[in-house]
C-alpha atoms as a PDB file:
ATOM      1  CA  UNK A   1      92.925  82.767  82.541  1.00  0.00           C
ATOM      2  CA  UNK A   2      94.882  82.059  79.369  1.00  0.00           C
ATOM      3  CA  UNK A   3      97.248  84.548  77.918  1.00  0.00           C
ATOM      4  CA  UNK A   4      94.899  85.320  75.139  1.00  0.00           C
ATOM      5  CA  UNK A   5      91.733  86.029  77.218  1.00  0.00           C
ATOM      6  CA  UNK A   6      94.144  88.039  79.672  1.00  0.00           C
ATOM      7  CA  UNK A   7      95.236  90.368  76.723  1.00  0.00           C
ATOM      8  CA  UNK A   8      91.631  90.788  75.745  1.00  0.00           C
ATOM      9  CA  UNK A   9      90.414  92.003  79.175  1.00  0.00           C
ATOM     10  CA  UNK A  10      93.543  94.154  80.002  1.00  0.00           C
ATOM     11  CA  UNK A  11      94.872  97.182  78.331  1.00  0.00           C
ATOM     12  CA  UNK A  12      98.649  97.228  77.679  1.00  0.00           C
ATOM     13  CA  UNK A  13     100.063 100.554  78.910  1.00  0.00           C
ATOM     14  CA  UNK A  14     103.587 100.201  77.233  1.00  0.00           C
ATOM     15  CA  UNK A  15     103.931 102.131  73.895  1.00  0.00           C
ATOM     16  CA  UNK A  16     106.749 102.355  71.347  1.00  0.00           C
ATOM     17  CA  UNK A  17     108.819 105.536  71.481  1.00  0.00           C
ATOM     18  CA  UNK A  18     107.588 106.704  68.162  1.00  0.00           C
ATOM     19  CA  UNK A  19     103.863 106.589  69.529  1.00  0.00           C
ATOM     20  CA  UNK A  20     104.811 108.651  72.751  1.00  0.00           C
ATOM     21  CA  UNK A  21     103.754 112.348  72.593  1.00  0.00           C
ATOM     22  CA  UNK A  22     105.786 114.409  75.354  1.00  0.00           C
ATOM     23  CA  UNK A  23     103.567 117.161  76.901  1.00  0.00           C
ATOM     24  CA  UNK A  24     104.296 119.627  79.672  1.00  0.00           C
ATOM     25  CA  UNK A  25     101.525 118.338  81.822  1.00  0.00           C
ATOM     26  CA  UNK A  26     101.517 116.674  85.461  1.00  0.00           C
ATOM     27  CA  UNK A  27     100.459 113.074  85.514  1.00  0.00           C
ATOM     28  CA  UNK A  28      98.207 112.072  88.509  1.00  0.00           C
ATOM     29  CA  UNK A  29      99.206 108.377  87.857  1.00  0.00           C
ATOM     30  CA  UNK A  30     100.554 105.923  90.337  1.00  0.00           C
ATOM     31  CA  UNK A  31     101.292 102.195  90.411  1.00  0.00           C
ATOM     32  CA  UNK A  32     103.030  99.166  91.383  1.00  0.00           C
ATOM     33  CA  UNK A  33     104.994  96.516  89.757  1.00  0.00           C
ATOM     34  CA  UNK A  34     105.075  92.880  91.108  1.00  0.00           C
ATOM     35  CA  UNK A  35     106.834  89.747  90.354  1.00  0.00           C
ATOM     36  CA  UNK A  36     104.324  87.325  88.980  1.00  0.00           C
ATOM     37  CA  UNK A  37     103.259  85.054  91.946  1.00  0.00           C
ATOM     38  CA  UNK A  38     100.098  83.714  93.534  1.00  0.00           C
ATOM     39  CA  UNK A  39      99.993  86.802  95.674  1.00  0.00           C
ATOM     40  CA  UNK A  40     100.282  89.090  92.975  1.00  0.00           C
ATOM     41  CA  UNK A  41      97.722  87.604  90.617  1.00  0.00           C
ATOM     42  CA  UNK A  42      95.285  87.982  93.745  1.00  0.00           C
ATOM     43  CA  UNK A  43      96.059  91.638  94.045  1.00  0.00           C
ATOM     44  CA  UNK A  44      95.869  92.195  90.276  1.00  0.00           C
ATOM     45  CA  UNK A  45      92.495  90.357  90.175  1.00  0.00           C
ATOM     46  CA  UNK A  46      91.123  92.559  93.058  1.00  0.00           C
ATOM     47  CA  UNK A  47      92.413  95.836  91.507  1.00  0.00           C
ATOM     48  CA  UNK A  48      91.297  95.045  88.090  1.00  0.00           C
ATOM     49  CA  UNK A  49      87.677  95.281  89.258  1.00  0.00           C
ATOM     50  CA  UNK A  50      88.185  99.076  90.374  1.00  0.00           C
ATOM     51  CA  UNK A  51      87.521 101.819  88.007  1.00  0.00           C
ATOM     52  CA  UNK A  52      90.406 103.694  86.345  1.00  0.00           C
ATOM     53  CA  UNK A  53      92.801 100.900  86.978  1.00  0.00           C
ATOM     54  CA  UNK A  54      94.852  99.131  84.436  1.00  0.00           C
ATOM     55  CA  UNK A  55      96.378  95.754  84.885  1.00  0.00           C
ATOM     56  CA  UNK A  56      99.154  94.652  82.584  1.00  0.00           C
ATOM     57  CA  UNK A  57     100.638  91.187  82.427  1.00  0.00           C
ATOM     58  CA  UNK A  58     104.150  90.578  81.246  1.00  0.00           C
ATOM     59  CA  UNK A  59     105.862  87.228  81.258  1.00  0.00           C
ATOM     60  CA  UNK A  60     107.349  87.661  84.740  1.00  0.00           C
ATOM     61  CA  UNK A  61     105.736  90.880  86.053  1.00  0.00           C
ATOM     62  CA  UNK A  62     102.311  92.332  86.746  1.00  0.00           C
ATOM     63  CA  UNK A  63     101.874  96.041  86.764  1.00  0.00           C
ATOM     64  CA  UNK A  64      98.993  97.773  88.239  1.00  0.00           C
ATOM     65  CA  UNK A  65      98.522 101.454  87.352  1.00  0.00           C
ATOM     66  CA  UNK A  66      95.754 104.008  88.432  1.00  0.00           C
ATOM     67  CA  UNK A  67      94.765 107.499  88.099  1.00  0.00           C
ATOM     68  CA  UNK A  68      94.806 109.659  91.390  1.00  0.00           C
ATOM     69  CA  UNK A  69      95.157 106.933  93.996  1.00  0.00           C
ATOM     70  CA  UNK A  70      95.067 103.215  94.268  1.00  0.00           C
ATOM     71  CA  UNK A  71      93.669 101.660  97.614  1.00  0.00           C
ATOM     72  CA  UNK A  72      94.763  98.288  98.477  1.00  0.00           C
ATOM     73  CA  UNK A  73      92.656  96.524 101.116  1.00  0.00           C
ATOM     74  CA  UNK A  74      94.473  93.663 102.752  1.00  0.00           C
ATOM     75  CA  UNK A  75      91.328  91.835 103.870  1.00  0.00           C
ATOM     76  CA  UNK A  76      89.553  92.056 100.556  1.00  0.00           C
ATOM     77  CA  UNK A  77      92.769  90.656  98.748  1.00  0.00           C
ATOM     78  CA  UNK A  78      93.018  88.142 101.349  1.00  0.00           C
ATOM     79  CA  UNK A  79      89.516  86.699 100.489  1.00  0.00           C
ATOM     80  CA  UNK A  80      90.584  86.404  96.796  1.00  0.00           C
ATOM     81  CA  UNK A  81      93.818  84.768  97.835  1.00  0.00           C
ATOM     82  CA  UNK A  82      92.155  82.401 100.315  1.00  0.00           C
ATOM     83  CA  UNK A  83      94.478  83.246 103.092  1.00  0.00           C
ATOM     84  CA  UNK A  84      95.521  86.140 105.193  1.00  0.00           C
ATOM     85  CA  UNK A  85      97.194  89.085 103.300  1.00  0.00           C
ATOM     86  CA  UNK A  86      98.743  91.899 105.304  1.00  0.00           C
ATOM     87  CA  UNK A  87     100.719  95.092 104.570  1.00  0.00           C
ATOM     88  CA  UNK A  88     104.173  93.482 104.957  1.00  0.00           C
ATOM     89  CA  UNK A  89     103.255  90.675 102.577  1.00  0.00           C
ATOM     90  CA  UNK A  90     102.044  93.218 100.188  1.00  0.00           C
ATOM     91  CA  UNK A  91     105.066  95.219 100.331  1.00  0.00           C
ATOM     92  CA  UNK A  92     107.363  92.222  99.724  1.00  0.00           C
ATOM     93  CA  UNK A  93     105.298  91.379  96.655  1.00  0.00           C
ATOM     94  CA  UNK A  94     105.736  94.815  94.986  1.00  0.00           C
ATOM     95  CA  UNK A  95     109.027  95.121  93.568  1.00  0.00           C
ATOM     96  CA  UNK A  96     108.742  98.839  92.782  1.00  0.00           C
ATOM     97  CA  UNK A  97     106.095 101.547  92.899  1.00  0.00           C
ATOM     98  CA  UNK A  98     105.597 105.012  91.850  1.00  0.00           C
ATOM     99  CA  UNK A  99     103.505 107.673  93.615  1.00  0.00           C
ATOM    100  CA  UNK A 100     103.400 108.139  97.210  1.00  0.00           C
ATOM    101  CA  UNK A 101     102.662 105.198  99.310  1.00  0.00           C
ATOM    102  CA  UNK A 102     100.985 105.575 102.641  1.00  0.00           C
ATOM    103  CA  UNK A 103     100.135 102.777 105.036  1.00  0.00           C
ATOM    104  CA  UNK A 104      96.665 104.206 106.267  1.00  0.00           C
ATOM    105  CA  UNK A 105      96.219 101.488 108.726  1.00  0.00           C
ATOM    106  CA  UNK A 106      96.931  97.694 109.233  1.00  0.00           C
ATOM    107  CA  UNK A 107      94.376  97.038 106.527  1.00  0.00           C
ATOM    108  CA  UNK A 108      94.975  99.758 103.968  1.00  0.00           C
ATOM    109  CA  UNK A 109      97.922 100.704 101.767  1.00  0.00           C
ATOM    110  CA  UNK A 110      97.147 103.610  99.557  1.00  0.00           C
ATOM    111  CA  UNK A 111      99.350 104.917  96.585  1.00  0.00           C
ATOM    112  CA  UNK A 112      98.720 108.559  95.523  1.00  0.00           C
ATOM    113  CA  UNK A 113      99.502 110.149  92.209  1.00  0.00           C
ATOM    114  CA  UNK A 114      97.607 113.393  93.018  1.00  0.00           C
ATOM    115  CA  UNK A 115      99.881 115.091  95.755  1.00  0.00           C
ATOM    116  CA  UNK A 116      97.068 117.309  96.742  1.00  0.00           C
ATOM    117  CA  UNK A 117      95.015 114.258  97.824  1.00  0.00           C
ATOM    118  CA  UNK A 118      97.844 113.100 100.191  1.00  0.00           C
ATOM    119  CA  UNK A 119      97.759 116.335 102.320  1.00  0.00           C
ATOM    120  CA  UNK A 120      95.416 115.149 104.860  1.00  0.00           C
ATOM    121  CA  UNK A 121      97.709 112.102 105.703  1.00  0.00           C
ATOM    122  CA  UNK A 122     100.991 114.317 105.928  1.00  0.00           C
ATOM    123  CA  UNK A 123      99.793 117.487 107.668  1.00  0.00           C
END
């Protein structure tokens, strides 16, 4: 996919400081930032199909942001990638994340932005 078409299909989450309004509200967002790679592109392609997910491509990074929670299914990402994906490879590809990351099982990594939604996993 060319840079032009990628920009047309994905919203950029970054804004100039003059355009930011600071409010005293809680964000339920969560996300990951990955170095651009074959694996990162497969993860971004998979996640871009989900509702309430924004994928932003930068020259050397790919950022995936979501509202509430993001669920990463390793077997589904592996199908797009064309080879096995597991939670360890996923975590190596994520340079950083925000929100609470939980490895639900060997196939599922979930990021939570809504801390109330995480209670069933930590209590």
